[in-house]
Amino acid sequence: MKTIENLIDRHKGRRVLIIGAGSSIKEYENKINTFIHEENPITIGINNITGMFISDYHLWTNTERFRNFGKNILPESELLLGAGIHLKTVREVIGPVNYTLINFTDMKEGVSVGYKKGKIFGFFRTAGCLSIMIAHLMGAKDVSIVGMDGYSFYKKDELLSGKKSHHCYGVGFTDTAIWETCIKKDNLIKSALEGLKNYGIDLKILASTIYKDFYGGF
């Protein structure tokens, strides 16, 4: 099993594109593909995006999503798994597959963004935010992001009626979250993005997003 140490400066000076599982990647699919063709970035996919994109790396940190969708992981992508996903679960879902273990903290208070001896420190809230730090450790010159729409980007009635979904693959368990909870989640993610930017990472979100302070569209 590999660790974060194996990723340090692996892609020094390269552009990185993070592909989240937000619904907007369906709308922006052509623009995303054009960006990949023209900029030739290293790509990091988050959760169940394999129906639309094959990424260089594929990051999972949520055990429930991994159980539900891990079978969709493609062998073309190098697998990155958060330390919270137990080895037993990995073997049950995908068998004896090689992957890189991502050891990290996720604490809102008392921990600054950083990296030391194989462990990432800070508050990230989502795999998407964590992947920004991973890209930085890989040596990325800048980080672009798609599919980070936000939990409150779509209207409450659109989500409850099924007209819209938080996810590119259809309705997931967060679509039925209490609206106030969605807003709280977005505030936490905004805080995590601010921490990463203040750490010195050049990042921007290219597609539709609730996090307007970080938008730098196509």
C-alpha atoms as a PDB file:
ATOM      1  CA  MET A   1       0.000   0.000   0.000  1.00  0.00           C
ATOM      2  CA  LYS A   2       1.284   3.442  -0.956  1.00  0.00           C
ATOM      3  CA  THR A   3       0.926   6.620   1.097  1.00  0.00           C
ATOM      4  CA  ILE A   4       0.843  10.356   0.447  1.00  0.00           C
ATOM      5  CA  GLU A   5       4.655  10.301   0.511  1.00  0.00           C
ATOM      6  CA  ASN A   6       4.511   8.639  -2.913  1.00  0.00           C
ATOM      7  CA  LEU A   7       2.592  11.608  -4.332  1.00  0.00           C
ATOM      8  CA  ILE A   8       4.846  14.452  -3.200  1.00  0.00           C
ATOM      9  CA  ASP A   9       5.920  16.571  -6.209  1.00  0.00           C
ATOM     10  CA  ARG A  10       4.944  13.771  -8.587  1.00  0.00           C
ATOM     11  CA  HIS A  11       3.402  16.316 -10.982  1.00  0.00           C
ATOM     12  CA  LYS A  12       5.453  19.392 -10.129  1.00  0.00           C
ATOM     13  CA  GLY A  13       4.562  22.376 -12.300  1.00  0.00           C
ATOM     14  CA  ARG A  14       1.508  20.731 -13.871  1.00  0.00           C
ATOM     15  CA  ARG A  15      -2.005  22.093 -13.924  1.00  0.00           C
ATOM     16  CA  VAL A  16      -4.547  19.996 -11.996  1.00  0.00           C
ATOM     17  CA  LEU A  17      -8.279  19.712 -12.662  1.00  0.00           C
ATOM     18  CA  ILE A  18     -10.514  18.347  -9.912  1.00  0.00           C
ATOM     19  CA  ILE A  19     -13.772  16.823 -11.157  1.00  0.00           C
ATOM     20  CA  GLY A  20     -16.421  16.729  -8.445  1.00  0.00           C
ATOM     21  CA  ALA A  21     -19.699  14.850  -8.738  1.00  0.00           C
ATOM     22  CA  GLY A  22     -21.974  17.912  -8.784  1.00  0.00           C
ATOM     23  CA  SER A  23     -24.780  18.065 -11.333  1.00  0.00           C
ATOM     24  CA  SER A  24     -23.133  20.953 -13.172  1.00  0.00           C
ATOM     25  CA  ILE A  25     -20.595  18.646 -14.838  1.00  0.00           C
ATOM     26  CA  LYS A  26     -23.421  17.387 -17.062  1.00  0.00           C
ATOM     27  CA  GLU A  27     -24.149  20.931 -18.216  1.00  0.00           C
ATOM     28  CA  TYR A  28     -20.451  21.728 -18.692  1.00  0.00           C
ATOM     29  CA  GLU A  29     -19.347  18.363 -20.077  1.00  0.00           C
ATOM     30  CA  ASN A  30     -18.208  19.745 -23.446  1.00  0.00           C
ATOM     31  CA  LYS A  31     -16.333  22.666 -21.893  1.00  0.00           C
ATOM     32  CA  ILE A  32     -14.661  20.351 -19.399  1.00  0.00           C
ATOM     33  CA  ASN A  33     -13.543  18.025 -22.185  1.00  0.00           C
ATOM     34  CA  THR A  34     -12.217  21.003 -24.165  1.00  0.00           C
ATOM     35  CA  PHE A  35     -10.298  22.213 -21.110  1.00  0.00           C
ATOM     36  CA  ILE A  36      -8.765  18.760 -20.652  1.00  0.00           C
ATOM     37  CA  HIS A  37      -7.829  18.572 -24.339  1.00  0.00           C
ATOM     38  CA  GLU A  38      -6.284  22.057 -24.477  1.00  0.00           C
ATOM     39  CA  GLU A  39      -4.651  22.317 -21.031  1.00  0.00           C
ATOM     40  CA  ASN A  40      -3.658  18.655 -20.532  1.00  0.00           C
ATOM     41  CA  PRO A  41      -4.139  18.791 -16.749  1.00  0.00           C
ATOM     42  CA  ILE A  42      -3.677  15.992 -14.253  1.00  0.00           C
ATOM     43  CA  THR A  43      -7.244  15.046 -13.293  1.00  0.00           C
ATOM     44  CA  ILE A  44      -8.561  13.981  -9.886  1.00  0.00           C
ATOM     45  CA  GLY A  45     -12.085  12.571  -9.855  1.00  0.00           C
ATOM     46  CA  ILE A  46     -14.265  12.659  -6.730  1.00  0.00           C
ATOM     47  CA  ASN A  47     -16.758   9.929  -5.873  1.00  0.00           C
ATOM     48  CA  ASN A  48     -19.011   8.503  -8.582  1.00  0.00           C
ATOM     49  CA  ILE A  49     -17.990  10.461 -11.713  1.00  0.00           C
ATOM     50  CA  THR A  50     -16.952   7.442 -13.804  1.00  0.00           C
ATOM     51  CA  GLY A  51     -20.098   7.514 -15.929  1.00  0.00           C
ATOM     52  CA  MET A  52     -18.845  10.765 -17.448  1.00  0.00           C
ATOM     53  CA  PHE A  53     -15.073  11.084 -17.011  1.00  0.00           C
ATOM     54  CA  ILE A  54     -12.058   8.827 -16.591  1.00  0.00           C
ATOM     55  CA  SER A  55      -9.662  10.642 -14.282  1.00  0.00           C
ATOM     56  CA  ASP A  56      -5.955  10.075 -13.660  1.00  0.00           C
ATOM     57  CA  TYR A  57      -6.695   9.729  -9.940  1.00  0.00           C
ATOM     58  CA  HIS A  58      -9.925   8.824  -8.167  1.00  0.00           C
ATOM     59  CA  LEU A  59     -10.452   9.934  -4.549  1.00  0.00           C
ATOM     60  CA  TRP A  60     -12.976   8.527  -2.082  1.00  0.00           C
ATOM     61  CA  THR A  61     -13.291   9.461   1.597  1.00  0.00           C
ATOM     62  CA  ASN A  62     -16.919   8.649   2.419  1.00  0.00           C
ATOM     63  CA  THR A  63     -17.503   5.005   3.373  1.00  0.00           C
ATOM     64  CA  GLU A  64     -21.207   5.045   2.481  1.00  0.00           C
ATOM     65  CA  ARG A  65     -20.584   6.399  -1.022  1.00  0.00           C
ATOM     66  CA  PHE A  66     -17.715   3.966  -1.487  1.00  0.00           C
ATOM     67  CA  ARG A  67     -19.978   1.043  -0.537  1.00  0.00           C
ATOM     68  CA  ASN A  68     -22.687   2.226  -2.917  1.00  0.00           C
ATOM     69  CA  PHE A  69     -20.576   3.199  -5.908  1.00  0.00           C
ATOM     70  CA  GLY A  70     -17.097   1.707  -5.464  1.00  0.00           C
ATOM     71  CA  LYS A  71     -17.934  -1.005  -7.971  1.00  0.00           C
ATOM     72  CA  ASN A  72     -17.902   1.705 -10.654  1.00  0.00           C
ATOM     73  CA  ILE A  73     -14.208   2.538 -10.131  1.00  0.00           C
ATOM     74  CA  LEU A  74     -12.238   2.083 -13.338  1.00  0.00           C
ATOM     75  CA  PRO A  75      -8.799   0.445 -13.492  1.00  0.00           C
ATOM     76  CA  GLU A  76      -7.487   3.326 -15.611  1.00  0.00           C
ATOM     77  CA  SER A  77      -7.616   5.628 -12.569  1.00  0.00           C
ATOM     78  CA  GLU A  78      -5.091   5.488  -9.728  1.00  0.00           C
ATOM     79  CA  LEU A  79      -7.130   4.974  -6.586  1.00  0.00           C
ATOM     80  CA  LEU A  80      -6.819   7.279  -3.545  1.00  0.00           C
ATOM     81  CA  LEU A  81      -8.720   6.259  -0.402  1.00  0.00           C
ATOM     82  CA  GLY A  82      -9.193   8.175   2.820  1.00  0.00           C
ATOM     83  CA  ALA A  83      -7.894   6.441   5.927  1.00  0.00           C
ATOM     84  CA  GLY A  84     -11.443   6.279   7.313  1.00  0.00           C
ATOM     85  CA  ILE A  85     -12.407   3.632   4.756  1.00  0.00           C
ATOM     86  CA  HIS A  86     -11.336   0.391   6.416  1.00  0.00           C
ATOM     87  CA  LEU A  87      -9.316  -2.222   4.576  1.00  0.00           C
ATOM     88  CA  LYS A  88     -12.066  -4.797   5.190  1.00  0.00           C
ATOM     89  CA  THR A  89     -14.568  -2.536   3.405  1.00  0.00           C
ATOM     90  CA  VAL A  90     -12.176  -2.013   0.507  1.00  0.00           C
ATOM     91  CA  ARG A  91     -11.771  -5.763   0.028  1.00  0.00           C
ATOM     92  CA  GLU A  92     -15.527  -6.327   0.254  1.00  0.00           C
ATOM     93  CA  VAL A  93     -16.274  -3.691  -2.399  1.00  0.00           C
ATOM     94  CA  ILE A  94     -13.403  -3.945  -4.902  1.00  0.00           C
ATOM     95  CA  GLY A  95     -11.201  -6.816  -3.778  1.00  0.00           C
ATOM     96  CA  PRO A  96      -7.388  -6.783  -3.439  1.00  0.00           C
ATOM     97  CA  VAL A  97      -6.740  -3.616  -5.445  1.00  0.00           C
ATOM     98  CA  ASN A  98      -3.663  -1.446  -4.955  1.00  0.00           C
ATOM     99  CA  TYR A  99      -4.350   2.085  -3.770  1.00  0.00           C
ATOM    100  CA  THR A 100      -2.776   5.076  -2.062  1.00  0.00           C
ATOM    101  CA  LEU A 101      -3.835   5.698   1.537  1.00  0.00           C
ATOM    102  CA  ILE A 102      -4.684   9.338   2.273  1.00  0.00           C
ATOM    103  CA  ASN A 103      -4.170  10.046   5.970  1.00  0.00           C
ATOM    104  CA  PHE A 104      -5.715  13.344   7.043  1.00  0.00           C
ATOM    105  CA  THR A 105      -7.427  15.238   9.834  1.00  0.00           C
ATOM    106  CA  ASP A 106     -10.745  17.034   9.453  1.00  0.00           C
ATOM    107  CA  MET A 107     -11.060  19.387  12.418  1.00  0.00           C
ATOM    108  CA  LYS A 108     -12.789  22.764  12.319  1.00  0.00           C
ATOM    109  CA  GLU A 109     -10.805  24.298  15.151  1.00  0.00           C
ATOM    110  CA  GLY A 110      -7.271  24.152  16.473  1.00  0.00           C
ATOM    111  CA  VAL A 111      -5.631  22.686  13.370  1.00  0.00           C
ATOM    112  CA  SER A 112      -4.033  24.748  10.603  1.00  0.00           C
ATOM    113  CA  VAL A 113      -3.734  23.563   7.021  1.00  0.00           C
ATOM    114  CA  GLY A 114      -0.464  21.757   6.532  1.00  0.00           C
ATOM    115  CA  TYR A 115       1.382  18.513   5.889  1.00  0.00           C
ATOM    116  CA  LYS A 116       3.840  16.575   8.012  1.00  0.00           C
ATOM    117  CA  LYS A 117       5.275  13.064   7.873  1.00  0.00           C
ATOM    118  CA  GLY A 118       2.675  11.486   5.631  1.00  0.00           C
ATOM    119  CA  LYS A 119      -0.392  13.211   7.080  1.00  0.00           C
ATOM    120  CA  ILE A 120      -2.471  16.142   5.865  1.00  0.00           C
ATOM    121  CA  PHE A 121      -3.716  18.523   8.551  1.00  0.00           C
ATOM    122  CA  GLY A 122      -6.606  20.954   8.461  1.00  0.00           C
ATOM    123  CA  PHE A 123     -10.355  21.151   7.944  1.00  0.00           C
ATOM    124  CA  PHE A 124     -11.669  20.072   4.531  1.00  0.00           C
ATOM    125  CA  ARG A 125     -15.295  18.925   5.013  1.00  0.00           C
ATOM    126  CA  THR A 126     -15.458  17.236   1.574  1.00  0.00           C
ATOM    127  CA  ALA A 127     -13.264  15.050  -0.613  1.00  0.00           C
ATOM    128  CA  GLY A 128     -13.277  17.892  -3.130  1.00  0.00           C
ATOM    129  CA  CYS A 129     -11.573  20.286  -0.722  1.00  0.00           C
ATOM    130  CA  LEU A 130      -9.164  17.586   0.424  1.00  0.00           C
ATOM    131  CA  SER A 131      -8.206  16.905  -3.194  1.00  0.00           C
ATOM    132  CA  ILE A 132      -7.106  20.537  -3.552  1.00  0.00           C
ATOM    133  CA  MET A 133      -4.501  19.939  -0.846  1.00  0.00           C
ATOM    134  CA  ILE A 134      -3.498  16.642  -2.465  1.00  0.00           C
ATOM    135  CA  ALA A 135      -3.015  18.431  -5.792  1.00  0.00           C
ATOM    136  CA  HIS A 136      -0.848  21.017  -4.034  1.00  0.00           C
ATOM    137  CA  LEU A 137       1.321  18.286  -2.532  1.00  0.00           C
ATOM    138  CA  MET A 138       1.640  16.737  -5.990  1.00  0.00           C
ATOM    139  CA  GLY A 139       3.300  20.007  -7.027  1.00  0.00           C
ATOM    140  CA  ALA A 140       0.416  21.585  -8.947  1.00  0.00           C
ATOM    141  CA  LYS A 141       1.093  25.088 -10.245  1.00  0.00           C
ATOM    142  CA  ASP A 142      -2.637  25.814  -9.998  1.00  0.00           C
ATOM    143  CA  VAL A 143      -5.851  23.943  -9.285  1.00  0.00           C
ATOM    144  CA  SER A 144      -9.072  24.233 -11.274  1.00  0.00           C
ATOM    145  CA  ILE A 145     -12.302  22.677 -10.031  1.00  0.00           C
ATOM    146  CA  VAL A 146     -15.593  21.612 -11.608  1.00  0.00           C
ATOM    147  CA  GLY A 147     -18.560  19.869 -10.037  1.00  0.00           C
ATOM    148  CA  MET A 148     -18.325  21.789  -6.755  1.00  0.00           C
ATOM    149  CA  ASP A 149     -21.817  23.260  -7.080  1.00  0.00           C
ATOM    150  CA  GLY A 150     -22.695  23.523  -3.397  1.00  0.00           C
ATOM    151  CA  TYR A 151     -25.538  21.970  -1.438  1.00  0.00           C
ATOM    152  CA  SER A 152     -27.717  25.091  -1.597  1.00  0.00           C
ATOM    153  CA  PHE A 153     -26.939  26.032  -5.208  1.00  0.00           C
ATOM    154  CA  TYR A 154     -30.233  24.541  -6.408  1.00  0.00           C
ATOM    155  CA  LYS A 155     -33.572  25.631  -4.955  1.00  0.00           C
ATOM    156  CA  LYS A 156     -35.120  23.621  -2.157  1.00  0.00           C
ATOM    157  CA  ASP A 157     -38.275  22.766  -4.124  1.00  0.00           C
ATOM    158  CA  GLU A 158     -36.207  21.693  -7.146  1.00  0.00           C
ATOM    159  CA  LEU A 159     -34.324  19.164  -5.037  1.00  0.00           C
ATOM    160  CA  LEU A 160     -37.379  17.859  -3.185  1.00  0.00           C
ATOM    161  CA  SER A 161     -39.356  17.450  -6.425  1.00  0.00           C
ATOM    162  CA  GLY A 162     -36.489  15.644  -8.145  1.00  0.00           C
ATOM    163  CA  LYS A 163     -36.142  18.271 -10.880  1.00  0.00           C
ATOM    164  CA  LYS A 164     -32.575  18.901  -9.727  1.00  0.00           C
ATOM    165  CA  SER A 165     -30.024  16.792  -7.910  1.00  0.00           C
ATOM    166  CA  HIS A 166     -26.834  17.485  -6.017  1.00  0.00           C
ATOM    167  CA  HIS A 167     -25.141  14.726  -8.020  1.00  0.00           C
ATOM    168  CA  CYS A 168     -24.315  14.083 -11.662  1.00  0.00           C
ATOM    169  CA  TYR A 169     -25.344  10.423 -11.261  1.00  0.00           C
ATOM    170  CA  GLY A 170     -28.840  11.159  -9.934  1.00  0.00           C
ATOM    171  CA  VAL A 171     -30.372  11.547  -6.517  1.00  0.00           C
ATOM    172  CA  GLY A 172     -28.120  10.812  -3.542  1.00  0.00           C
ATOM    173  CA  PHE A 173     -28.702  10.894   0.189  1.00  0.00           C
ATOM    174  CA  THR A 174     -27.771  14.579   0.549  1.00  0.00           C
ATOM    175  CA  ASP A 175     -30.600  15.736  -1.744  1.00  0.00           C
ATOM    176  CA  THR A 176     -33.147  15.188   1.023  1.00  0.00           C
ATOM    177  CA  ALA A 177     -31.119  17.001   3.699  1.00  0.00           C
ATOM    178  CA  ILE A 178     -32.864  19.735   5.685  1.00  0.00           C
ATOM    179  CA  TRP A 179     -32.351  23.022   3.824  1.00  0.00           C
ATOM    180  CA  GLU A 180     -30.763  24.719   6.825  1.00  0.00           C
ATOM    181  CA  THR A 181     -28.292  21.817   6.964  1.00  0.00           C
ATOM    182  CA  CYS A 182     -27.386  22.420   3.309  1.00  0.00           C
ATOM    183  CA  ILE A 183     -26.647  26.067   4.058  1.00  0.00           C
ATOM    184  CA  LYS A 184     -24.506  25.105   7.064  1.00  0.00           C
ATOM    185  CA  LYS A 185     -22.551  22.628   4.931  1.00  0.00           C
ATOM    186  CA  ASP A 186     -21.907  25.305   2.310  1.00  0.00           C
ATOM    187  CA  ASN A 187     -20.643  27.733   4.956  1.00  0.00           C
ATOM    188  CA  LEU A 188     -18.236  25.070   6.229  1.00  0.00           C
ATOM    189  CA  ILE A 189     -16.983  24.311   2.731  1.00  0.00           C
ATOM    190  CA  LYS A 190     -16.495  28.012   2.039  1.00  0.00           C
ATOM    191  CA  SER A 191     -14.409  28.206   5.206  1.00  0.00           C
ATOM    192  CA  ALA A 192     -12.365  25.207   4.062  1.00  0.00           C
ATOM    193  CA  LEU A 193     -11.747  26.806   0.653  1.00  0.00           C
ATOM    194  CA  GLU A 194     -10.661  30.036   2.336  1.00  0.00           C
ATOM    195  CA  GLY A 195      -8.195  28.085   4.470  1.00  0.00           C
ATOM    196  CA  LEU A 196      -6.701  26.422   1.400  1.00  0.00           C
ATOM    197  CA  LYS A 197      -6.430  29.721  -0.460  1.00  0.00           C
ATOM    198  CA  ASN A 198      -4.820  31.407   2.531  1.00  0.00           C
ATOM    199  CA  TYR A 199      -2.358  28.531   2.689  1.00  0.00           C
ATOM    200  CA  GLY A 200      -1.139  29.733  -0.703  1.00  0.00           C
ATOM    201  CA  ILE A 201      -2.905  27.446  -3.169  1.00  0.00           C
ATOM    202  CA  ASP A 202      -3.929  29.037  -6.476  1.00  0.00           C
ATOM    203  CA  LEU A 203      -7.458  27.652  -6.937  1.00  0.00           C
ATOM    204  CA  LYS A 204     -10.576  28.525  -8.907  1.00  0.00           C
ATOM    205  CA  ILE A 205     -13.933  26.924  -9.645  1.00  0.00           C
ATOM    206  CA  LEU A 206     -14.729  26.889 -13.357  1.00  0.00           C
ATOM    207  CA  ALA A 207     -18.379  25.778 -13.451  1.00  0.00           C
ATOM    208  CA  SER A 208     -21.582  26.792 -11.660  1.00  0.00           C
ATOM    209  CA  THR A 209     -21.073  27.140  -7.918  1.00  0.00           C
ATOM    210  CA  ILE A 210     -22.503  28.673  -4.762  1.00  0.00           C
ATOM    211  CA  TYR A 211     -18.954  29.595  -3.699  1.00  0.00           C
ATOM    212  CA  LYS A 212     -18.809  32.822  -5.699  1.00  0.00           C
ATOM    213  CA  ASP A 213     -15.607  34.109  -4.092  1.00  0.00           C
ATOM    214  CA  PHE A 214     -13.699  31.294  -5.815  1.00  0.00           C
ATOM    215  CA  TYR A 215     -15.416  31.387  -9.203  1.00  0.00           C
ATOM    216  CA  GLY A 216     -13.260  31.913 -12.270  1.00  0.00           C
ATOM    217  CA  GLY A 217     -15.381  30.385 -15.013  1.00  0.00           C
ATOM    218  CA  PHE A 218     -14.541  28.936 -18.404  1.00  0.00           C
END
